[in-house]
């Protein structure tokens, strides 16, 4: 008895016993460090007296589900907010278990071990907030890329179109035709980059569909070489 009392009185977690009417019969001294109550202040009171009003119904449902499980080892911990003596909200993770009468097998009381998880819950809330901010930033970036791509593509299409019209003028000197072709090729290349940016936006939104096209590699190489020939000569 002295050994178990020593374990209970020096435990960091709250050890509690309460009857079928949810009245506390025993609380370990650790309740003072967690909730600010002396054990004798809570013995004889209902468990509901220290549970946050908004969490009572949810906690009761989880408690019933655990007690009714055929396999007690499958019971899940129950998290709820408790109200400390000074009014603070303290998150507790409880592990209630029914005690059975050895002769009748009926439930005679409940034992519980509750741990202060306030710090962990604060970290979880902060993580959720940062995830929400990151998701919002990703959406904003995607919208920005899509809008900028559309704004760039509109005048760029005009540049490519007028370069093609210029190249179709009869009697245009060969040098001017070559420059017009280079403008058109460069414009189409830049337009492809803009379209790729739009594809990235679609990719993040899960809306990208592949649309493969055949192309002539030799013409592609010639256009690439022609595009950088002037810079290479300089």
C-alpha atoms as a PDB file:
ATOM      1  CA  UNK A   1       0.000   0.000   0.000  1.00  0.00           C
ATOM      2  CA  UNK A   2       2.828   2.372   0.863  1.00  0.00           C
ATOM      3  CA  UNK A   3       4.520   1.591  -2.439  1.00  0.00           C
ATOM      4  CA  UNK A   4       1.427   2.344  -4.551  1.00  0.00           C
ATOM      5  CA  UNK A   5       0.634   5.433  -2.501  1.00  0.00           C
ATOM      6  CA  UNK A   6       4.172   6.670  -3.084  1.00  0.00           C
ATOM      7  CA  UNK A   7       3.790   6.109  -6.844  1.00  0.00           C
ATOM      8  CA  UNK A   8       0.430   7.909  -6.972  1.00  0.00           C
ATOM      9  CA  UNK A   9       1.538  10.859  -4.863  1.00  0.00           C
ATOM     10  CA  UNK A  10       4.675  11.448  -6.933  1.00  0.00           C
ATOM     11  CA  UNK A  11       3.141  10.938 -10.366  1.00  0.00           C
ATOM     12  CA  UNK A  12       3.261  13.881 -12.764  1.00  0.00           C
ATOM     13  CA  UNK A  13      -0.025  12.902 -14.429  1.00  0.00           C
ATOM     14  CA  UNK A  14      -3.317  13.249 -12.588  1.00  0.00           C
ATOM     15  CA  UNK A  15      -4.570   9.936 -11.229  1.00  0.00           C
ATOM     16  CA  UNK A  16      -8.279   9.946 -10.426  1.00  0.00           C
ATOM     17  CA  UNK A  17     -11.025   7.622  -9.219  1.00  0.00           C
ATOM     18  CA  UNK A  18     -14.706   8.496  -9.602  1.00  0.00           C
ATOM     19  CA  UNK A  19     -17.944   6.609  -9.123  1.00  0.00           C
ATOM     20  CA  UNK A  20     -20.754   5.834 -11.553  1.00  0.00           C
ATOM     21  CA  UNK A  21     -22.234   9.292 -10.941  1.00  0.00           C
ATOM     22  CA  UNK A  22     -18.957  10.943 -12.024  1.00  0.00           C
ATOM     23  CA  UNK A  23     -18.173  12.022  -8.451  1.00  0.00           C
ATOM     24  CA  UNK A  24     -14.476  12.174  -7.610  1.00  0.00           C
ATOM     25  CA  UNK A  25     -13.408   9.685  -4.919  1.00  0.00           C
ATOM     26  CA  UNK A  26      -9.666  10.227  -5.198  1.00  0.00           C
ATOM     27  CA  UNK A  27      -7.249  12.600  -6.922  1.00  0.00           C
ATOM     28  CA  UNK A  28      -3.466  12.450  -6.810  1.00  0.00           C
ATOM     29  CA  UNK A  29      -1.541  15.498  -5.504  1.00  0.00           C
ATOM     30  CA  UNK A  30      -0.406  16.293  -9.069  1.00  0.00           C
ATOM     31  CA  UNK A  31      -3.802  17.922  -9.641  1.00  0.00           C
ATOM     32  CA  UNK A  32      -2.430  20.878  -7.686  1.00  0.00           C
ATOM     33  CA  UNK A  33       0.403  21.455 -10.186  1.00  0.00           C
ATOM     34  CA  UNK A  34      -1.854  21.008 -13.215  1.00  0.00           C
ATOM     35  CA  UNK A  35      -5.120  22.684 -12.194  1.00  0.00           C
ATOM     36  CA  UNK A  36      -4.289  24.534  -8.981  1.00  0.00           C
ATOM     37  CA  UNK A  37      -6.731  22.548  -6.812  1.00  0.00           C
ATOM     38  CA  UNK A  38      -5.860  20.640  -3.698  1.00  0.00           C
ATOM     39  CA  UNK A  39      -7.185  17.061  -4.053  1.00  0.00           C
ATOM     40  CA  UNK A  40      -9.632  17.532  -1.159  1.00  0.00           C
ATOM     41  CA  UNK A  41     -11.177  20.520  -2.943  1.00  0.00           C
ATOM     42  CA  UNK A  42     -12.386  18.266  -5.763  1.00  0.00           C
ATOM     43  CA  UNK A  43     -13.180  15.037  -3.935  1.00  0.00           C
ATOM     44  CA  UNK A  44     -16.963  14.800  -3.708  1.00  0.00           C
ATOM     45  CA  UNK A  45     -17.486  17.072  -6.719  1.00  0.00           C
ATOM     46  CA  UNK A  46     -18.517  16.049 -10.224  1.00  0.00           C
ATOM     47  CA  UNK A  47     -15.999  15.617 -13.016  1.00  0.00           C
ATOM     48  CA  UNK A  48     -18.127  18.017 -15.075  1.00  0.00           C
ATOM     49  CA  UNK A  49     -17.278  20.802 -12.650  1.00  0.00           C
ATOM     50  CA  UNK A  50     -13.786  21.136 -14.091  1.00  0.00           C
ATOM     51  CA  UNK A  51     -14.511  20.350 -17.770  1.00  0.00           C
ATOM     52  CA  UNK A  52     -15.018  23.264 -20.149  1.00  0.00           C
ATOM     53  CA  UNK A  53     -18.763  23.605 -20.859  1.00  0.00           C
ATOM     54  CA  UNK A  54     -18.200  23.420 -24.606  1.00  0.00           C
ATOM     55  CA  UNK A  55     -16.371  20.078 -24.240  1.00  0.00           C
ATOM     56  CA  UNK A  56     -18.691  18.269 -21.823  1.00  0.00           C
ATOM     57  CA  UNK A  57     -20.999  16.601 -24.379  1.00  0.00           C
ATOM     58  CA  UNK A  58     -18.150  15.572 -26.685  1.00  0.00           C
ATOM     59  CA  UNK A  59     -16.155  14.213 -23.740  1.00  0.00           C
ATOM     60  CA  UNK A  60     -19.135  12.217 -22.468  1.00  0.00           C
ATOM     61  CA  UNK A  61     -19.701  10.644 -25.887  1.00  0.00           C
ATOM     62  CA  UNK A  62     -16.041   9.650 -26.164  1.00  0.00           C
ATOM     63  CA  UNK A  63     -16.124   8.294 -22.605  1.00  0.00           C
ATOM     64  CA  UNK A  64     -19.193   6.139 -23.309  1.00  0.00           C
ATOM     65  CA  UNK A  65     -17.629   4.821 -26.518  1.00  0.00           C
ATOM     66  CA  UNK A  66     -14.481   3.785 -24.631  1.00  0.00           C
ATOM     67  CA  UNK A  67     -16.375   2.110 -21.798  1.00  0.00           C
ATOM     68  CA  UNK A  68     -18.602   0.157 -24.194  1.00  0.00           C
ATOM     69  CA  UNK A  69     -15.656  -1.267 -26.146  1.00  0.00           C
ATOM     70  CA  UNK A  70     -15.317  -5.039 -25.937  1.00  0.00           C
ATOM     71  CA  UNK A  71     -11.538  -4.677 -25.941  1.00  0.00           C
ATOM     72  CA  UNK A  72     -10.474  -2.046 -23.362  1.00  0.00           C
ATOM     73  CA  UNK A  73      -6.978  -1.918 -24.861  1.00  0.00           C
ATOM     74  CA  UNK A  74      -8.473  -0.429 -28.042  1.00  0.00           C
ATOM     75  CA  UNK A  75      -9.808   2.595 -26.166  1.00  0.00           C
ATOM     76  CA  UNK A  76      -8.598   5.927 -27.483  1.00  0.00           C
ATOM     77  CA  UNK A  77      -7.367   8.810 -25.313  1.00  0.00           C
ATOM     78  CA  UNK A  78      -9.888  11.595 -24.750  1.00  0.00           C
ATOM     79  CA  UNK A  79      -8.765  15.206 -25.087  1.00  0.00           C
ATOM     80  CA  UNK A  80     -10.742  18.009 -23.487  1.00  0.00           C
ATOM     81  CA  UNK A  81     -10.247  21.411 -21.921  1.00  0.00           C
ATOM     82  CA  UNK A  82     -10.337  21.646 -18.145  1.00  0.00           C
ATOM     83  CA  UNK A  83     -10.860  24.875 -16.221  1.00  0.00           C
ATOM     84  CA  UNK A  84      -8.108  25.476 -13.652  1.00  0.00           C
ATOM     85  CA  UNK A  85      -8.813  27.110 -10.329  1.00  0.00           C
ATOM     86  CA  UNK A  86      -7.495  30.441 -11.612  1.00  0.00           C
ATOM     87  CA  UNK A  87      -9.697  30.239 -14.734  1.00  0.00           C
ATOM     88  CA  UNK A  88      -7.023  29.027 -17.150  1.00  0.00           C
ATOM     89  CA  UNK A  89      -7.954  26.533 -19.852  1.00  0.00           C
ATOM     90  CA  UNK A  90      -5.784  23.427 -19.599  1.00  0.00           C
ATOM     91  CA  UNK A  91      -5.854  20.720 -22.249  1.00  0.00           C
ATOM     92  CA  UNK A  92      -5.923  17.232 -20.715  1.00  0.00           C
ATOM     93  CA  UNK A  93      -5.452  13.866 -22.393  1.00  0.00           C
ATOM     94  CA  UNK A  94      -7.409  11.326 -20.346  1.00  0.00           C
ATOM     95  CA  UNK A  95      -7.313   7.524 -20.362  1.00  0.00           C
ATOM     96  CA  UNK A  96     -10.426   6.395 -18.441  1.00  0.00           C
ATOM     97  CA  UNK A  97     -10.901   2.733 -17.627  1.00  0.00           C
ATOM     98  CA  UNK A  98     -13.760   0.928 -15.916  1.00  0.00           C
ATOM     99  CA  UNK A  99     -13.130  -1.020 -12.704  1.00  0.00           C
ATOM    100  CA  UNK A 100     -15.205  -4.188 -12.427  1.00  0.00           C
ATOM    101  CA  UNK A 101     -16.492  -5.994  -9.385  1.00  0.00           C
ATOM    102  CA  UNK A 102     -14.544  -9.278  -9.264  1.00  0.00           C
ATOM    103  CA  UNK A 103     -17.634 -11.260  -8.309  1.00  0.00           C
ATOM    104  CA  UNK A 104     -20.447  -9.734 -10.358  1.00  0.00           C
ATOM    105  CA  UNK A 105     -18.357  -8.340 -13.216  1.00  0.00           C
ATOM    106  CA  UNK A 106     -20.316  -5.085 -13.062  1.00  0.00           C
ATOM    107  CA  UNK A 107     -18.713  -1.651 -13.307  1.00  0.00           C
ATOM    108  CA  UNK A 108     -18.294  -0.192  -9.839  1.00  0.00           C
ATOM    109  CA  UNK A 109     -16.120   2.874 -10.520  1.00  0.00           C
ATOM    110  CA  UNK A 110     -13.743   4.403 -13.026  1.00  0.00           C
ATOM    111  CA  UNK A 111     -10.065   5.109 -12.850  1.00  0.00           C
ATOM    112  CA  UNK A 112      -8.407   7.739 -14.978  1.00  0.00           C
ATOM    113  CA  UNK A 113      -4.958   9.036 -15.801  1.00  0.00           C
ATOM    114  CA  UNK A 114      -4.937  12.541 -17.280  1.00  0.00           C
ATOM    115  CA  UNK A 115      -1.911  14.296 -18.729  1.00  0.00           C
ATOM    116  CA  UNK A 116      -1.426  18.028 -19.321  1.00  0.00           C
ATOM    117  CA  UNK A 117      -1.044  18.442 -23.109  1.00  0.00           C
ATOM    118  CA  UNK A 118      -1.604  22.205 -23.279  1.00  0.00           C
ATOM    119  CA  UNK A 119       1.838  22.855 -24.755  1.00  0.00           C
ATOM    120  CA  UNK A 120       1.372  20.174 -27.408  1.00  0.00           C
ATOM    121  CA  UNK A 121      -2.047  21.551 -28.363  1.00  0.00           C
ATOM    122  CA  UNK A 122      -0.514  25.021 -28.691  1.00  0.00           C
ATOM    123  CA  UNK A 123       2.130  23.625 -31.044  1.00  0.00           C
ATOM    124  CA  UNK A 124      -0.551  21.851 -33.075  1.00  0.00           C
ATOM    125  CA  UNK A 125      -2.575  25.061 -33.352  1.00  0.00           C
ATOM    126  CA  UNK A 126       0.526  26.975 -34.442  1.00  0.00           C
ATOM    127  CA  UNK A 127       1.320  24.294 -37.016  1.00  0.00           C
ATOM    128  CA  UNK A 128      -2.227  24.440 -38.390  1.00  0.00           C
ATOM    129  CA  UNK A 129      -1.979  28.233 -38.604  1.00  0.00           C
ATOM    130  CA  UNK A 130       1.321  28.069 -40.477  1.00  0.00           C
ATOM    131  CA  UNK A 131      -0.055  25.394 -42.833  1.00  0.00           C
ATOM    132  CA  UNK A 132      -3.067  27.594 -43.555  1.00  0.00           C
ATOM    133  CA  UNK A 133      -0.764  30.561 -44.226  1.00  0.00           C
ATOM    134  CA  UNK A 134       1.413  28.432 -46.511  1.00  0.00           C
ATOM    135  CA  UNK A 135      -1.633  27.209 -48.431  1.00  0.00           C
ATOM    136  CA  UNK A 136      -2.904  30.771 -48.770  1.00  0.00           C
ATOM    137  CA  UNK A 137       0.523  31.901 -50.016  1.00  0.00           C
ATOM    138  CA  UNK A 138       0.566  29.071 -52.560  1.00  0.00           C
ATOM    139  CA  UNK A 139      -2.873  30.037 -53.836  1.00  0.00           C
ATOM    140  CA  UNK A 140      -1.816  33.698 -54.060  1.00  0.00           C
ATOM    141  CA  UNK A 141       1.355  32.736 -55.951  1.00  0.00           C
ATOM    142  CA  UNK A 142      -0.621  30.552 -58.344  1.00  0.00           C
ATOM    143  CA  UNK A 143      -3.148  33.323 -58.986  1.00  0.00           C
ATOM    144  CA  UNK A 144      -0.332  35.833 -59.519  1.00  0.00           C
ATOM    145  CA  UNK A 145       1.437  33.581 -62.030  1.00  0.00           C
ATOM    146  CA  UNK A 146      -1.779  32.929 -63.898  1.00  0.00           C
ATOM    147  CA  UNK A 147      -2.700  36.621 -64.063  1.00  0.00           C
ATOM    148  CA  UNK A 148       0.788  37.745 -65.081  1.00  0.00           C
ATOM    149  CA  UNK A 149       1.000  35.021 -67.708  1.00  0.00           C
ATOM    150  CA  UNK A 150      -2.262  36.173 -69.252  1.00  0.00           C
ATOM    151  CA  UNK A 151      -1.137  39.811 -69.172  1.00  0.00           C
ATOM    152  CA  UNK A 152       2.181  38.954 -70.867  1.00  0.00           C
ATOM    153  CA  UNK A 153       0.673  36.597 -73.414  1.00  0.00           C
ATOM    154  CA  UNK A 154      -1.776  39.190 -74.779  1.00  0.00           C
ATOM    155  CA  UNK A 155       0.816  41.718 -76.114  1.00  0.00           C
ATOM    156  CA  UNK A 156       3.237  38.910 -76.982  1.00  0.00           C
ATOM    157  CA  UNK A 157       0.662  37.349 -79.271  1.00  0.00           C
ATOM    158  CA  UNK A 158       0.441  40.688 -81.075  1.00  0.00           C
ATOM    159  CA  UNK A 159       4.233  40.825 -81.495  1.00  0.00           C
ATOM    160  CA  UNK A 160       4.298  37.329 -83.021  1.00  0.00           C
ATOM    161  CA  UNK A 161       1.315  38.088 -85.221  1.00  0.00           C
ATOM    162  CA  UNK A 162       2.780  41.317 -86.630  1.00  0.00           C
ATOM    163  CA  UNK A 163       6.152  39.629 -87.176  1.00  0.00           C
ATOM    164  CA  UNK A 164       4.404  36.977 -89.288  1.00  0.00           C
ATOM    165  CA  UNK A 165       2.504  39.662 -91.210  1.00  0.00           C
ATOM    166  CA  UNK A 166       5.758  41.532 -91.823  1.00  0.00           C
ATOM    167  CA  UNK A 167       7.384  38.370 -93.135  1.00  0.00           C
ATOM    168  CA  UNK A 168       4.521  37.867 -95.606  1.00  0.00           C
ATOM    169  CA  UNK A 169       5.016  41.262 -97.272  1.00  0.00           C
ATOM    170  CA  UNK A 170       6.031  40.773-100.899  1.00  0.00           C
ATOM    171  CA  UNK A 171       9.345  42.260-101.931  1.00  0.00           C
ATOM    172  CA  UNK A 172      10.664  42.468 -98.410  1.00  0.00           C
ATOM    173  CA  UNK A 173      14.490  42.302 -98.418  1.00  0.00           C
ATOM    174  CA  UNK A 174      15.987  38.990 -97.390  1.00  0.00           C
ATOM    175  CA  UNK A 175      17.652  40.547 -94.360  1.00  0.00           C
ATOM    176  CA  UNK A 176      14.349  42.034 -93.172  1.00  0.00           C
ATOM    177  CA  UNK A 177      12.618  38.664 -93.740  1.00  0.00           C
ATOM    178  CA  UNK A 178      15.288  36.931 -91.680  1.00  0.00           C
ATOM    179  CA  UNK A 179      14.872  39.447 -88.865  1.00  0.00           C
ATOM    180  CA  UNK A 180      11.102  39.065 -88.990  1.00  0.00           C
ATOM    181  CA  UNK A 181      11.461  35.275 -88.772  1.00  0.00           C
ATOM    182  CA  UNK A 182      13.772  35.672 -85.780  1.00  0.00           C
ATOM    183  CA  UNK A 183      11.276  37.984 -84.059  1.00  0.00           C
ATOM    184  CA  UNK A 184       8.529  35.433 -84.720  1.00  0.00           C
ATOM    185  CA  UNK A 185      10.646  32.507 -83.486  1.00  0.00           C
ATOM    186  CA  UNK A 186      11.767  34.344 -80.364  1.00  0.00           C
ATOM    187  CA  UNK A 187       8.234  35.492 -79.673  1.00  0.00           C
ATOM    188  CA  UNK A 188       6.853  31.971 -80.034  1.00  0.00           C
ATOM    189  CA  UNK A 189       9.591  30.650 -77.747  1.00  0.00           C
ATOM    190  CA  UNK A 190       8.731  33.233 -75.110  1.00  0.00           C
ATOM    191  CA  UNK A 191       5.054  32.440 -75.604  1.00  0.00           C
ATOM    192  CA  UNK A 192       5.840  28.777 -74.946  1.00  0.00           C
ATOM    193  CA  UNK A 193       7.533  29.802 -71.676  1.00  0.00           C
ATOM    194  CA  UNK A 194       4.467  31.815 -70.687  1.00  0.00           C
ATOM    195  CA  UNK A 195       2.266  28.834 -71.471  1.00  0.00           C
ATOM    196  CA  UNK A 196       4.537  26.642 -69.348  1.00  0.00           C
ATOM    197  CA  UNK A 197       4.010  29.030 -66.430  1.00  0.00           C
ATOM    198  CA  UNK A 198       0.280  28.637 -66.905  1.00  0.00           C
ATOM    199  CA  UNK A 199       0.792  24.874 -66.920  1.00  0.00           C
ATOM    200  CA  UNK A 200       2.537  25.140 -63.543  1.00  0.00           C
ATOM    201  CA  UNK A 201      -0.519  26.925 -62.203  1.00  0.00           C
ATOM    202  CA  UNK A 202      -2.750  24.185 -63.586  1.00  0.00           C
ATOM    203  CA  UNK A 203      -0.418  21.549 -62.167  1.00  0.00           C
ATOM    204  CA  UNK A 204      -0.731  22.958 -58.652  1.00  0.00           C
ATOM    205  CA  UNK A 205      -4.499  23.069 -59.097  1.00  0.00           C
ATOM    206  CA  UNK A 206      -4.550  19.472 -60.362  1.00  0.00           C
ATOM    207  CA  UNK A 207      -6.021  20.532 -63.704  1.00  0.00           C
ATOM    208  CA  UNK A 208      -3.097  19.884 -66.066  1.00  0.00           C
ATOM    209  CA  UNK A 209      -3.785  17.615 -69.038  1.00  0.00           C
ATOM    210  CA  UNK A 210      -0.971  16.488 -71.333  1.00  0.00           C
ATOM    211  CA  UNK A 211      -1.434  17.333 -75.007  1.00  0.00           C
ATOM    212  CA  UNK A 212       1.522  15.837 -76.952  1.00  0.00           C
ATOM    213  CA  UNK A 213       2.301  17.062 -80.494  1.00  0.00           C
ATOM    214  CA  UNK A 214       4.662  15.786 -83.135  1.00  0.00           C
ATOM    215  CA  UNK A 215       7.490  18.079 -84.213  1.00  0.00           C
ATOM    216  CA  UNK A 216      10.432  18.003 -86.577  1.00  0.00           C
ATOM    217  CA  UNK A 217      13.705  17.928 -84.564  1.00  0.00           C
ATOM    218  CA  UNK A 218      15.800  19.248 -87.483  1.00  0.00           C
ATOM    219  CA  UNK A 219      13.678  22.379 -87.863  1.00  0.00           C
ATOM    220  CA  UNK A 220      13.741  22.859 -84.103  1.00  0.00           C
ATOM    221  CA  UNK A 221      17.557  22.737 -84.062  1.00  0.00           C
ATOM    222  CA  UNK A 222      17.854  25.096 -87.045  1.00  0.00           C
ATOM    223  CA  UNK A 223      15.496  27.625 -85.437  1.00  0.00           C
ATOM    224  CA  UNK A 224      17.443  27.447 -82.171  1.00  0.00           C
ATOM    225  CA  UNK A 225      20.791  27.993 -83.890  1.00  0.00           C
ATOM    226  CA  UNK A 226      19.364  30.809 -86.003  1.00  0.00           C
ATOM    227  CA  UNK A 227      17.963  32.451 -82.867  1.00  0.00           C
ATOM    228  CA  UNK A 228      21.359  32.769 -81.170  1.00  0.00           C
ATOM    229  CA  UNK A 229      23.562  33.271 -84.256  1.00  0.00           C
ATOM    230  CA  UNK A 230      23.618  37.068 -83.999  1.00  0.00           C
ATOM    231  CA  UNK A 231      24.638  36.987 -80.308  1.00  0.00           C
ATOM    232  CA  UNK A 232      27.275  34.344 -81.037  1.00  0.00           C
ATOM    233  CA  UNK A 233      28.859  36.473 -83.778  1.00  0.00           C
ATOM    234  CA  UNK A 234      29.177  39.403 -81.383  1.00  0.00           C
END
